[in-house]
C-alpha atoms as a PDB file:
ATOM      1  CA  MET A   1       2.583  14.963  12.457  1.00  0.00           C
ATOM      2  CA  LEU A   2      -0.454  13.784  10.491  1.00  0.00           C
ATOM      3  CA  ASN A   3      -1.073  15.628   7.235  1.00  0.00           C
ATOM      4  CA  ARG A   4      -4.447  15.928   5.528  1.00  0.00           C
ATOM      5  CA  ARG A   5      -3.819  13.086   3.080  1.00  0.00           C
ATOM      6  CA  ILE A   6      -3.281  10.710   5.987  1.00  0.00           C
ATOM      7  CA  LEU A   7      -6.276  12.142   7.825  1.00  0.00           C
ATOM      8  CA  ARG A   8      -8.514  11.638   4.802  1.00  0.00           C
ATOM      9  CA  ILE A   9      -7.360   8.016   4.592  1.00  0.00           C
ATOM     10  CA  LYS A  10      -8.085   7.450   8.269  1.00  0.00           C
ATOM     11  CA  ALA A  11     -11.558   8.982   7.986  1.00  0.00           C
ATOM     12  CA  PHE A  12     -12.160   6.864   4.869  1.00  0.00           C
ATOM     13  CA  LYS A  13     -11.243   3.654   6.684  1.00  0.00           C
ATOM     14  CA  VAL A  14     -13.534   4.457   9.601  1.00  0.00           C
ATOM     15  CA  LEU A  15     -16.430   5.347   7.302  1.00  0.00           C
ATOM     16  CA  TYR A  16     -15.900   2.218   5.211  1.00  0.00           C
ATOM     17  CA  SER A  17     -15.885   0.103   8.383  1.00  0.00           C
ATOM     18  CA  SER A  18     -19.114   1.721   9.540  1.00  0.00           C
ATOM     19  CA  VAL A  19     -20.752   0.968   6.182  1.00  0.00           C
ATOM     20  CA  LEU A  20     -19.717  -2.687   6.396  1.00  0.00           C
ATOM     21  CA  ALA A  21     -20.846  -2.954  10.025  1.00  0.00           C
ATOM     22  CA  GLY A  22     -24.170  -1.327   9.224  1.00  0.00           C
ATOM     23  CA  ASN A  23     -24.932  -0.261  12.790  1.00  0.00           C
ATOM     24  CA  MET A  24     -21.967   1.866  13.916  1.00  0.00           C
ATOM     25  CA  SER A  25     -22.950   5.101  15.644  1.00  0.00           C
ATOM     26  CA  LEU A  26     -21.282   8.420  14.917  1.00  0.00           C
ATOM     27  CA  ALA A  27     -19.878   8.445  18.451  1.00  0.00           C
ATOM     28  CA  ASP A  28     -18.252   5.039  17.869  1.00  0.00           C
ATOM     29  CA  ALA A  29     -16.896   6.201  14.516  1.00  0.00           C
ATOM     30  CA  GLU A  30     -15.396   9.324  16.090  1.00  0.00           C
ATOM     31  CA  SER A  31     -13.820   7.217  18.811  1.00  0.00           C
ATOM     32  CA  GLN A  32     -12.273   4.907  16.214  1.00  0.00           C
ATOM     33  CA  LEU A  33     -10.958   7.900  14.291  1.00  0.00           C
ATOM     34  CA  GLU A  34      -9.282   9.320  17.382  1.00  0.00           C
ATOM     35  CA  LEU A  35      -7.671   5.983  18.207  1.00  0.00           C
ATOM     36  CA  SER A  36      -6.474   5.574  14.618  1.00  0.00           C
ATOM     37  CA  CYS A  37      -4.858   9.014  14.574  1.00  0.00           C
ATOM     38  CA  GLU A  38      -3.097   8.487  17.899  1.00  0.00           C
ATOM     39  CA  ALA A  39      -1.916   5.039  16.765  1.00  0.00           C
ATOM     40  CA  ALA A  40       0.113   6.542  13.911  1.00  0.00           C
ATOM     41  CA  ARG A  41       2.164   8.554  16.382  1.00  0.00           C
ATOM     42  CA  ASP A  42       2.498   5.503  18.625  1.00  0.00           C
ATOM     43  CA  LEU A  43       3.962   3.573  15.701  1.00  0.00           C
ATOM     44  CA  TYR A  44       6.504   6.355  15.155  1.00  0.00           C
ATOM     45  CA  ILE A  45       7.540   6.032  18.818  1.00  0.00           C
ATOM     46  CA  TYR A  46       7.675   2.252  18.581  1.00  0.00           C
ATOM     47  CA  MET A  47       9.872   2.244  15.475  1.00  0.00           C
ATOM     48  CA  LEU A  48      12.198   4.922  16.851  1.00  0.00           C
ATOM     49  CA  GLY A  49      12.675   2.620  19.806  1.00  0.00           C
ATOM     50  CA  ILE A  50      14.185  -0.108  17.618  1.00  0.00           C
ATOM     51  CA  ILE A  51      17.552   1.678  17.453  1.00  0.00           C
ATOM     52  CA  SER A  52      18.861   0.485  20.809  1.00  0.00           C
ATOM     53  CA  PRO A  53      17.700  -3.148  20.388  1.00  0.00           C
ATOM     54  CA  LEU A  54      19.461  -3.352  17.018  1.00  0.00           C
ATOM     55  CA  THR A  55      22.585  -1.914  18.581  1.00  0.00           C
ATOM     56  CA  LYS A  56      22.390  -4.528  21.345  1.00  0.00           C
ATOM     57  CA  ILE A  57      22.213  -7.315  18.749  1.00  0.00           C
ATOM     58  CA  ALA A  58      25.495  -6.050  17.290  1.00  0.00           C
ATOM     59  CA  LYS A  59      27.101  -5.929  20.741  1.00  0.00           C
ATOM     60  CA  ASP A  60      25.922  -9.437  21.578  1.00  0.00           C
ATOM     61  CA  ARG A  61      27.376 -10.792  18.335  1.00  0.00           C
ATOM     62  CA  ILE A  62      30.725  -9.172  19.038  1.00  0.00           C
ATOM     63  CA  GLU A  63      30.830 -10.635  22.557  1.00  0.00           C
ATOM     64  CA  ALA A  64      29.842 -14.073  21.253  1.00  0.00           C
ATOM     65  CA  ALA A  65      32.625 -13.953  18.672  1.00  0.00           C
ATOM     66  CA  LYS A  66      35.189 -12.969  21.303  1.00  0.00           C
ATOM     67  CA  ALA A  67      34.098 -15.893  23.467  1.00  0.00           C
ATOM     68  CA  LYS A  68      34.896 -18.455  20.782  1.00  0.00           C
ATOM     69  CA  PHE A  69      37.507 -21.076  21.598  1.00  0.00           C
ATOM     70  CA  ASN A  70      39.774 -19.764  18.870  1.00  0.00           C
ATOM     71  CA  PRO A  71      38.596 -16.310  17.707  1.00  0.00           C
ATOM     72  CA  THR A  72      40.142 -14.678  14.681  1.00  0.00           C
ATOM     73  CA  GLU A  73      42.198 -11.521  14.907  1.00  0.00           C
ATOM     74  CA  GLU A  74      39.224  -9.510  13.666  1.00  0.00           C
ATOM     75  CA  GLU A  75      36.989 -11.119  16.294  1.00  0.00           C
ATOM     76  CA  ARG A  76      39.488 -10.352  19.050  1.00  0.00           C
ATOM     77  CA  ASN A  77      39.752  -6.739  17.919  1.00  0.00           C
ATOM     78  CA  PRO A  78      36.393  -5.903  16.364  1.00  0.00           C
ATOM     79  CA  ASN A  79      35.264  -2.666  14.823  1.00  0.00           C
ATOM     80  CA  MET A  80      33.050  -1.215  17.571  1.00  0.00           C
ATOM     81  CA  LYS A  81      31.744   1.752  15.617  1.00  0.00           C
ATOM     82  CA  PHE A  82      28.172   0.528  15.230  1.00  0.00           C
ATOM     83  CA  ALA A  83      28.017  -1.266  18.573  1.00  0.00           C
ATOM     84  CA  GLU A  84      28.978   1.963  20.332  1.00  0.00           C
ATOM     85  CA  ASN A  85      27.058   4.377  18.122  1.00  0.00           C
ATOM     86  CA  ALA A  86      26.152   7.686  19.723  1.00  0.00           C
ATOM     87  CA  LEU A  87      22.543   7.616  18.533  1.00  0.00           C
ATOM     88  CA  ALA A  88      21.568   4.617  20.659  1.00  0.00           C
ATOM     89  CA  LYS A  89      23.240   6.223  23.666  1.00  0.00           C
ATOM     90  CA  LEU A  90      21.370   9.458  23.010  1.00  0.00           C
ATOM     91  CA  ILE A  91      17.985   7.749  22.907  1.00  0.00           C
ATOM     92  CA  ASP A  92      18.767   5.562  25.911  1.00  0.00           C
ATOM     93  CA  ALA A  93      19.641   8.704  27.902  1.00  0.00           C
ATOM     94  CA  ASP A  94      16.528  10.642  26.864  1.00  0.00           C
ATOM     95  CA  GLU A  95      14.283  10.417  29.915  1.00  0.00           C
ATOM     96  CA  ASP A  96      11.189  11.757  28.164  1.00  0.00           C
ATOM     97  CA  PHE A  97      11.401   9.215  25.351  1.00  0.00           C
ATOM     98  CA  GLN A  98      12.187   6.286  27.636  1.00  0.00           C
ATOM     99  CA  LYS A  99       9.387   7.199  30.030  1.00  0.00           C
ATOM    100  CA  LEU A 100       6.845   7.407  27.201  1.00  0.00           C
ATOM    101  CA  PHE A 101       8.104   4.196  25.577  1.00  0.00           C
ATOM    102  CA  LYS A 102       7.667   2.318  28.846  1.00  0.00           C
ATOM    103  CA  LYS A 103       4.337   3.991  29.628  1.00  0.00           C
ATOM    104  CA  LYS A 104       2.955   2.610  26.378  1.00  0.00           C
ATOM    105  CA  LYS A 105       4.350  -0.811  27.335  1.00  0.00           C
ATOM    106  CA  PHE A 106       6.403  -1.035  24.165  1.00  0.00           C
ATOM    107  CA  ASP A 107       9.131  -3.655  24.021  1.00  0.00           C
ATOM    108  CA  TRP A 108      11.234  -5.169  21.234  1.00  0.00           C
ATOM    109  CA  SER A 109      12.837  -7.961  23.284  1.00  0.00           C
ATOM    110  CA  GLN A 110      10.229 -10.555  22.316  1.00  0.00           C
ATOM    111  CA  TYR A 111      11.025 -10.019  18.630  1.00  0.00           C
ATOM    112  CA  ASP A 112      14.616 -11.147  18.823  1.00  0.00           C
ATOM    113  CA  LEU A 113      14.382 -13.138  15.586  1.00  0.00           C
ATOM    114  CA  LEU A 114      13.272 -10.096  13.609  1.00  0.00           C
ATOM    115  CA  LEU A 115      16.019  -7.943  15.111  1.00  0.00           C
ATOM    116  CA  LYS A 116      18.681 -10.523  14.235  1.00  0.00           C
ATOM    117  CA  LYS A 117      17.335 -10.849  10.696  1.00  0.00           C
ATOM    118  CA  VAL A 118      17.373  -7.066  10.222  1.00  0.00           C
ATOM    119  CA  MET A 119      20.898  -6.771  11.627  1.00  0.00           C
ATOM    120  CA  THR A 120      22.118  -9.539   9.329  1.00  0.00           C
ATOM    121  CA  SER A 121      20.593  -7.744   6.361  1.00  0.00           C
ATOM    122  CA  VAL A 122      22.102  -4.408   7.394  1.00  0.00           C
ATOM    123  CA  ALA A 123      25.545  -5.937   7.889  1.00  0.00           C
ATOM    124  CA  SER A 124      25.470  -7.310   4.325  1.00  0.00           C
ATOM    125  CA  LYS A 125      24.828  -3.927   2.680  1.00  0.00           C
ATOM    126  CA  ASP A 126      27.387  -1.686   1.007  1.00  0.00           C
ATOM    127  CA  TYR A 127      26.146   1.368   2.895  1.00  0.00           C
ATOM    128  CA  PHE A 128      26.951  -0.383   6.177  1.00  0.00           C
ATOM    129  CA  ALA A 129      30.426  -1.362   4.983  1.00  0.00           C
ATOM    130  CA  GLU A 130      31.077   2.251   4.003  1.00  0.00           C
ATOM    131  CA  TYR A 131      29.873   3.418   7.402  1.00  0.00           C
ATOM    132  CA  MET A 132      32.104   0.966   9.252  1.00  0.00           C
ATOM    133  CA  ALA A 133      35.130   1.900   7.117  1.00  0.00           C
ATOM    134  CA  SER A 134      34.681   5.641   7.601  1.00  0.00           C
ATOM    135  CA  PRO A 135      36.827   7.281  10.289  1.00  0.00           C
ATOM    136  CA  ASP A 136      33.939   9.627  11.122  1.00  0.00           C
ATOM    137  CA  THR A 137      32.441   8.687  14.496  1.00  0.00           C
ATOM    138  CA  SER A 138      30.002  11.563  14.837  1.00  0.00           C
ATOM    139  CA  LEU A 139      26.356  11.501  15.869  1.00  0.00           C
ATOM    140  CA  ALA A 140      25.514  12.860  12.423  1.00  0.00           C
ATOM    141  CA  GLU A 141      27.190   9.831  10.811  1.00  0.00           C
ATOM    142  CA  ASP A 142      25.215   7.471  13.047  1.00  0.00           C
ATOM    143  CA  CYS A 143      21.966   9.273  12.219  1.00  0.00           C
ATOM    144  CA  LYS A 144      22.755   9.003   8.524  1.00  0.00           C
ATOM    145  CA  LEU A 145      23.246   5.239   8.851  1.00  0.00           C
ATOM    146  CA  PHE A 146      20.010   4.672  10.747  1.00  0.00           C
ATOM    147  CA  THR A 147      18.154   6.793   8.230  1.00  0.00           C
ATOM    148  CA  ARG A 148      19.268   4.307   5.558  1.00  0.00           C
ATOM    149  CA  ILE A 149      18.159   1.445   7.793  1.00  0.00           C
ATOM    150  CA  PHE A 150      14.709   2.978   8.273  1.00  0.00           C
ATOM    151  CA  GLU A 151      14.411   3.674   4.559  1.00  0.00           C
ATOM    152  CA  GLU A 152      15.573   0.285   3.276  1.00  0.00           C
ATOM    153  CA  GLU A 153      15.057  -2.441   5.856  1.00  0.00           C
ATOM    154  CA  PHE A 154      11.502  -2.156   7.150  1.00  0.00           C
ATOM    155  CA  VAL A 155       8.898  -1.112   4.584  1.00  0.00           C
ATOM    156  CA  ASP A 156       8.715  -4.424   2.693  1.00  0.00           C
ATOM    157  CA  SER A 157       9.337  -6.695   5.669  1.00  0.00           C
ATOM    158  CA  GLU A 158       6.496  -9.231   5.856  1.00  0.00           C
ATOM    159  CA  GLU A 159       7.674 -10.354   9.276  1.00  0.00           C
ATOM    160  CA  LEU A 160       7.525  -6.800  10.618  1.00  0.00           C
ATOM    161  CA  GLU A 161       4.080  -6.290   9.079  1.00  0.00           C
ATOM    162  CA  MET A 162       2.798  -9.375  10.883  1.00  0.00           C
ATOM    163  CA  ILE A 163       4.189  -8.107  14.177  1.00  0.00           C
ATOM    164  CA  LEU A 164       2.613  -4.685  13.744  1.00  0.00           C
ATOM    165  CA  GLU A 165      -0.756  -6.140  12.744  1.00  0.00           C
ATOM    166  CA  ASP A 166      -0.675  -8.316  15.843  1.00  0.00           C
ATOM    167  CA  LYS A 167       0.099  -5.360  18.099  1.00  0.00           C
ATOM    168  CA  SER A 168      -2.458  -2.900  16.736  1.00  0.00           C
ATOM    169  CA  LEU A 169      -5.338  -3.036  14.286  1.00  0.00           C
ATOM    170  CA  TYR A 170      -4.716   0.639  13.574  1.00  0.00           C
ATOM    171  CA  TRP A 171      -1.110   0.245  12.417  1.00  0.00           C
ATOM    172  CA  ASN A 172      -2.070  -1.179   9.048  1.00  0.00           C
ATOM    173  CA  ASP A 173      -0.692   1.076   6.287  1.00  0.00           C
ATOM    174  CA  ASP A 174       0.911   3.561   8.722  1.00  0.00           C
ATOM    175  CA  LEU A 175       4.447   2.152   8.672  1.00  0.00           C
ATOM    176  CA  ALA A 176       5.913   4.116   5.753  1.00  0.00           C
ATOM    177  CA  TYR A 177       4.562   7.428   7.047  1.00  0.00           C
ATOM    178  CA  SER A 178       5.770   6.778  10.597  1.00  0.00           C
ATOM    179  CA  LEU A 179       9.228   5.832   9.297  1.00  0.00           C
ATOM    180  CA  THR A 180       9.354   9.140   7.421  1.00  0.00           C
ATOM    181  CA  TRP A 181       8.954  10.938  10.726  1.00  0.00           C
ATOM    182  CA  CYS A 182      11.603   8.708  12.324  1.00  0.00           C
ATOM    183  CA  CYS A 183      13.995   9.902   9.606  1.00  0.00           C
ATOM    184  CA  LYS A 184      13.008  13.524  10.199  1.00  0.00           C
ATOM    185  CA  THR A 185      13.719  13.041  13.892  1.00  0.00           C
ATOM    186  CA  LEU A 186      17.158  11.604  13.097  1.00  0.00           C
ATOM    187  CA  ASN A 187      17.849  14.597  10.878  1.00  0.00           C
ATOM    188  CA  GLY A 188      17.025  16.808  13.853  1.00  0.00           C
ATOM    189  CA  PHE A 189      19.355  14.828  16.116  1.00  0.00           C
ATOM    190  CA  ALA A 190      22.148  15.248  13.577  1.00  0.00           C
ATOM    191  CA  LYS A 191      21.650  19.022  13.789  1.00  0.00           C
ATOM    192  CA  GLY A 192      21.887  18.992  17.574  1.00  0.00           C
ATOM    193  CA  GLU A 193      18.170  19.078  18.324  1.00  0.00           C
ATOM    194  CA  GLY A 194      16.718  17.142  21.233  1.00  0.00           C
ATOM    195  CA  TRP A 195      13.741  14.802  21.185  1.00  0.00           C
ATOM    196  CA  SER A 196      10.233  15.931  21.983  1.00  0.00           C
ATOM    197  CA  LEU A 197       6.879  14.286  21.310  1.00  0.00           C
ATOM    198  CA  LEU A 198       5.540  15.364  17.936  1.00  0.00           C
ATOM    199  CA  PRO A 199       2.195  17.174  17.861  1.00  0.00           C
ATOM    200  CA  LEU A 200      -0.447  14.806  16.535  1.00  0.00           C
ATOM    201  CA  TYR A 201      -1.593  17.120  13.746  1.00  0.00           C
ATOM    202  CA  GLN A 202       0.586  19.074  11.333  1.00  0.00           C
ATOM    203  CA  SER A 203      -1.464  22.220  11.877  1.00  0.00           C
ATOM    204  CA  GLU A 204      -0.189  22.183  15.469  1.00  0.00           C
ATOM    205  CA  MET A 205       3.371  22.341  14.137  1.00  0.00           C
ATOM    206  CA  LEU A 206       2.754  25.439  12.029  1.00  0.00           C
ATOM    207  CA  LYS A 207       3.097  28.965  13.328  1.00  0.00           C
ATOM    208  CA  GLY A 208       1.243  32.067  12.268  1.00  0.00           C
ATOM    209  CA  GLU A 209      -2.290  33.276  11.863  1.00  0.00           C
ATOM    210  CA  GLY A 210      -4.847  31.638   9.614  1.00  0.00           C
ATOM    211  CA  VAL A 211      -3.704  28.051  10.169  1.00  0.00           C
ATOM    212  CA  GLU A 212      -6.775  25.849  10.091  1.00  0.00           C
ATOM    213  CA  SER A 213      -7.034  23.023  12.616  1.00  0.00           C
ATOM    214  CA  ASP A 214      -6.425  19.579  11.118  1.00  0.00           C
ATOM    215  CA  LYS A 215      -8.188  17.983  14.090  1.00  0.00           C
ATOM    216  CA  TYR A 216     -11.297  20.028  13.306  1.00  0.00           C
ATOM    217  CA  PHE A 217     -10.949  19.180   9.624  1.00  0.00           C
ATOM    218  CA  VAL A 218     -10.870  15.408  10.022  1.00  0.00           C
ATOM    219  CA  ARG A 219     -13.641  15.289  12.625  1.00  0.00           C
ATOM    220  CA  LYS A 220     -15.915  17.482  10.500  1.00  0.00           C
ATOM    221  CA  LEU A 221     -15.071  15.420   7.420  1.00  0.00           C
ATOM    222  CA  LEU A 222     -16.118  12.219   9.165  1.00  0.00           C
ATOM    223  CA  GLN A 223     -19.248  13.809  10.618  1.00  0.00           C
ATOM    224  CA  SER A 224     -20.318  15.250   7.250  1.00  0.00           C
ATOM    225  CA  SER A 225     -19.614  11.990   5.411  1.00  0.00           C
ATOM    226  CA  PHE A 226     -21.430   9.983   8.064  1.00  0.00           C
ATOM    227  CA  ALA A 227     -24.477  12.253   8.047  1.00  0.00           C
ATOM    228  CA  GLY A 228     -24.652  12.515   4.261  1.00  0.00           C
ATOM    229  CA  TYR A 229     -23.842   8.922   3.372  1.00  0.00           C
ATOM    230  CA  GLU A 230     -27.350   7.801   2.405  1.00  0.00           C
ATOM    231  CA  ARG A 231     -28.014  10.879   0.301  1.00  0.00           C
ATOM    232  CA  TYR A 232     -24.652  10.957  -1.452  1.00  0.00           C
ATOM    233  CA  SER A 233     -24.546   7.197  -2.064  1.00  0.00           C
ATOM    234  CA  ALA A 234     -28.038   7.449  -3.576  1.00  0.00           C
ATOM    235  CA  MET A 235     -26.713  10.105  -5.944  1.00  0.00           C
ATOM    236  CA  VAL A 236     -23.981   7.684  -6.976  1.00  0.00           C
ATOM    237  CA  SER A 237     -26.488   4.889  -7.512  1.00  0.00           C
ATOM    238  CA  GLU A 238     -28.693   7.103  -9.660  1.00  0.00           C
ATOM    239  CA  SER A 239     -25.734   8.172 -11.793  1.00  0.00           C
ATOM    240  CA  VAL A 240     -24.401   4.769 -12.798  1.00  0.00           C
ATOM    241  CA  SER A 241     -25.759   2.098 -15.069  1.00  0.00           C
ATOM    242  CA  GLY A 242     -25.063  -1.413 -16.250  1.00  0.00           C
ATOM    243  CA  TRP A 243     -21.601  -2.707 -15.455  1.00  0.00           C
ATOM    244  CA  GLU A 244     -20.814   0.189 -13.113  1.00  0.00           C
ATOM    245  CA  LYS A 245     -23.368  -0.974 -10.546  1.00  0.00           C
ATOM    246  CA  GLU A 246     -20.945  -3.635  -9.372  1.00  0.00           C
ATOM    247  CA  ARG A 247     -19.020  -0.809  -7.724  1.00  0.00           C
ATOM    248  CA  LEU A 248     -21.899   0.370  -5.549  1.00  0.00           C
ATOM    249  CA  PHE A 249     -20.695  -1.559  -2.501  1.00  0.00           C
ATOM    250  CA  SER A 250     -17.018  -0.907  -3.065  1.00  0.00           C
ATOM    251  CA  THR A 251     -14.504   1.477  -1.596  1.00  0.00           C
ATOM    252  CA  ASP A 252     -15.102   3.708  -4.624  1.00  0.00           C
ATOM    253  CA  VAL A 253     -18.535   4.739  -3.358  1.00  0.00           C
ATOM    254  CA  VAL A 254     -17.171   5.634   0.079  1.00  0.00           C
ATOM    255  CA  LEU A 255     -14.476   7.770  -1.525  1.00  0.00           C
ATOM    256  CA  ILE A 256     -17.001   9.566  -3.729  1.00  0.00           C
ATOM    257  CA  VAL A 257     -19.284  10.175  -0.728  1.00  0.00           C
ATOM    258  CA  MET A 258     -16.364  11.647   1.200  1.00  0.00           C
ATOM    259  CA  GLY A 259     -15.395  13.828  -1.759  1.00  0.00           C
ATOM    260  CA  LEU A 260     -18.934  15.215  -1.980  1.00  0.00           C
ATOM    261  CA  ALA A 261     -19.094  15.757   1.777  1.00  0.00           C
ATOM    262  CA  GLU A 262     -15.761  17.575   1.768  1.00  0.00           C
ATOM    263  CA  ALA A 263     -16.688  19.757  -1.206  1.00  0.00           C
ATOM    264  CA  ALA A 264     -19.962  20.753   0.470  1.00  0.00           C
ATOM    265  CA  SER A 265     -18.599  21.234   4.008  1.00  0.00           C
ATOM    266  CA  PHE A 266     -15.342  23.119   3.498  1.00  0.00           C
ATOM    267  CA  PRO A 267     -15.840  26.399   1.609  1.00  0.00           C
ATOM    268  CA  THR A 268     -12.112  27.265   1.608  1.00  0.00           C
ATOM    269  CA  ILE A 269     -10.835  24.008   0.079  1.00  0.00           C
ATOM    270  CA  PRO A 270     -10.697  24.197  -3.742  1.00  0.00           C
ATOM    271  CA  VAL A 271     -12.790  21.599  -5.564  1.00  0.00           C
ATOM    272  CA  LYS A 272      -9.726  20.602  -7.585  1.00  0.00           C
ATOM    273  CA  VAL A 273      -7.810  19.777  -4.387  1.00  0.00           C
ATOM    274  CA  THR A 274     -10.670  17.653  -3.072  1.00  0.00           C
ATOM    275  CA  MET A 275     -10.987  15.727  -6.321  1.00  0.00           C
ATOM    276  CA  ASN A 276      -7.246  15.133  -6.627  1.00  0.00           C
ATOM    277  CA  GLU A 277      -7.046  13.804  -3.065  1.00  0.00           C
ATOM    278  CA  TYR A 278      -9.749  11.171  -3.431  1.00  0.00           C
ATOM    279  CA  VAL A 279      -8.565  10.115  -6.873  1.00  0.00           C
ATOM    280  CA  GLU A 280      -5.081   9.577  -5.420  1.00  0.00           C
ATOM    281  CA  ILE A 281      -6.456   7.590  -2.488  1.00  0.00           C
ATOM    282  CA  SER A 282      -8.473   5.421  -4.897  1.00  0.00           C
ATOM    283  CA  LYS A 283      -5.224   4.264  -6.522  1.00  0.00           C
ATOM    284  CA  PHE A 284      -4.258   2.488  -3.289  1.00  0.00           C
ATOM    285  CA  TYR A 285      -7.616   1.313  -1.977  1.00  0.00           C
ATOM    286  CA  GLY A 286      -9.579   0.574  -5.140  1.00  0.00           C
ATOM    287  CA  THR A 287      -9.239  -1.470  -8.311  1.00  0.00           C
ATOM    288  CA  PRO A 288      -7.291  -0.588 -11.463  1.00  0.00           C
ATOM    289  CA  LYS A 289     -10.475   1.048 -12.778  1.00  0.00           C
ATOM    290  CA  SER A 290     -11.157   3.034  -9.600  1.00  0.00           C
ATOM    291  CA  ARG A 291      -9.163   6.094 -10.565  1.00  0.00           C
ATOM    292  CA  ALA A 292     -11.222   6.807 -13.690  1.00  0.00           C
ATOM    293  CA  PHE A 293     -14.493   5.905 -11.972  1.00  0.00           C
ATOM    294  CA  VAL A 294     -13.921   8.115  -8.920  1.00  0.00           C
ATOM    295  CA  ASN A 295     -12.555  10.979 -10.991  1.00  0.00           C
ATOM    296  CA  GLY A 296     -15.404  10.990 -13.522  1.00  0.00           C
ATOM    297  CA  LEU A 297     -18.304  10.489 -11.151  1.00  0.00           C
ATOM    298  CA  LEU A 298     -17.002  12.813  -8.447  1.00  0.00           C
ATOM    299  CA  ASP A 299     -16.524  15.552 -11.032  1.00  0.00           C
ATOM    300  CA  LYS A 300     -20.060  15.047 -12.347  1.00  0.00           C
ATOM    301  CA  LEU A 301     -21.745  15.006  -8.927  1.00  0.00           C
ATOM    302  CA  ILE A 302     -19.809  17.963  -7.554  1.00  0.00           C
ATOM    303  CA  GLN A 303     -20.891  19.982 -10.573  1.00  0.00           C
ATOM    304  CA  GLN A 304     -24.475  18.880  -9.931  1.00  0.00           C
ATOM    305  CA  LEU A 305     -24.309  20.149  -6.338  1.00  0.00           C
ATOM    306  CA  VAL A 306     -22.676  23.387  -7.486  1.00  0.00           C
ATOM    307  CA  ASN A 307     -25.521  23.974  -9.924  1.00  0.00           C
ATOM    308  CA  GLU A 308     -28.035  23.285  -7.153  1.00  0.00           C
ATOM    309  CA  GLY A 309     -26.288  25.827  -4.924  1.00  0.00           C
ATOM    310  CA  GLN A 310     -25.318  23.202  -2.349  1.00  0.00           C
ATOM    311  CA  ILE A 311     -21.585  23.690  -2.847  1.00  0.00           C
ATOM    312  CA  LYS A 312     -20.338  27.227  -2.350  1.00  0.00           C
ATOM    313  CA  LYS A 313     -16.742  28.351  -2.040  1.00  0.00           C
ATOM    314  CA  GLU A 314     -15.302  31.405  -0.357  1.00  0.00           C
ATOM    315  CA  GLY A 315     -12.998  33.100  -2.838  1.00  0.00           C
ATOM    316  CA  LYS A 316     -12.275  33.051  -6.532  1.00  0.00           C
ATOM    317  CA  GLY A 317     -10.938  30.039  -8.364  1.00  0.00           C
ATOM    318  CA  LEU A 318     -12.053  27.465  -5.781  1.00  0.00           C
ATOM    319  CA  LEU A 319     -14.814  25.864  -7.849  1.00  0.00           C
END
């Protein structure tokens, strides 16, 4: 499930937290990393579990409309397509999913206001009107609708963000990625595939020889960054002057340290890949000037370590 970009971000957050704390042990950092990785998959499970609660909101609204003293013709004979969608029934009937959802003590019932707000928003959209007007009542059609809901209704929801932050400290910034995997799961349902718990690391999803373990990668990355932090951060300090010194306690330094640690610890990863990854991450976790700072200094210091023979790559074209 987790790709290397996400794993680098998770290792970065743990390392940055350890730098701020000042006294975090490597064992504690590794424990935090493991919890953070597992939390991303938990969020995927939690968000996939919102399908049935949203469906129930629609059913409840239909029943409430029917119970009016003088319901309209449309309220007496409502369009039940969404309220009876096959996707919610499929998930409700999946014993493995329901057992895991309950085991993790997940529950959407206490967030009734959010569910109603989301359903109101969905019901106002053109894509929902098109869905309701279509004669197609297939599982594939239902999956297509919920894919739109996952793509358009959750990412920028401040109310949802507050709920997720309250439920887990590790869910910060994981929503968009977890929703992507919800959509991939729906695509699988539409093709007739069943549900199964996703492997935590993408390397576990790949078949064939020569696949390197992502779990090993992220643990070694954290260990190498943790062990080399003082040395690599000192290199950064020695390489900057004047106005740049204001960055020495910023996220930029942690990213550069991780880039140096990765370049030195993974002989099969091209230097260009390493640099590109940390420059990209700096765009989201740094300042507007971080991209140029991280790119320039990381390039300079990697070259310094190459010249000193401390960075060696296995194969041509990796330096």
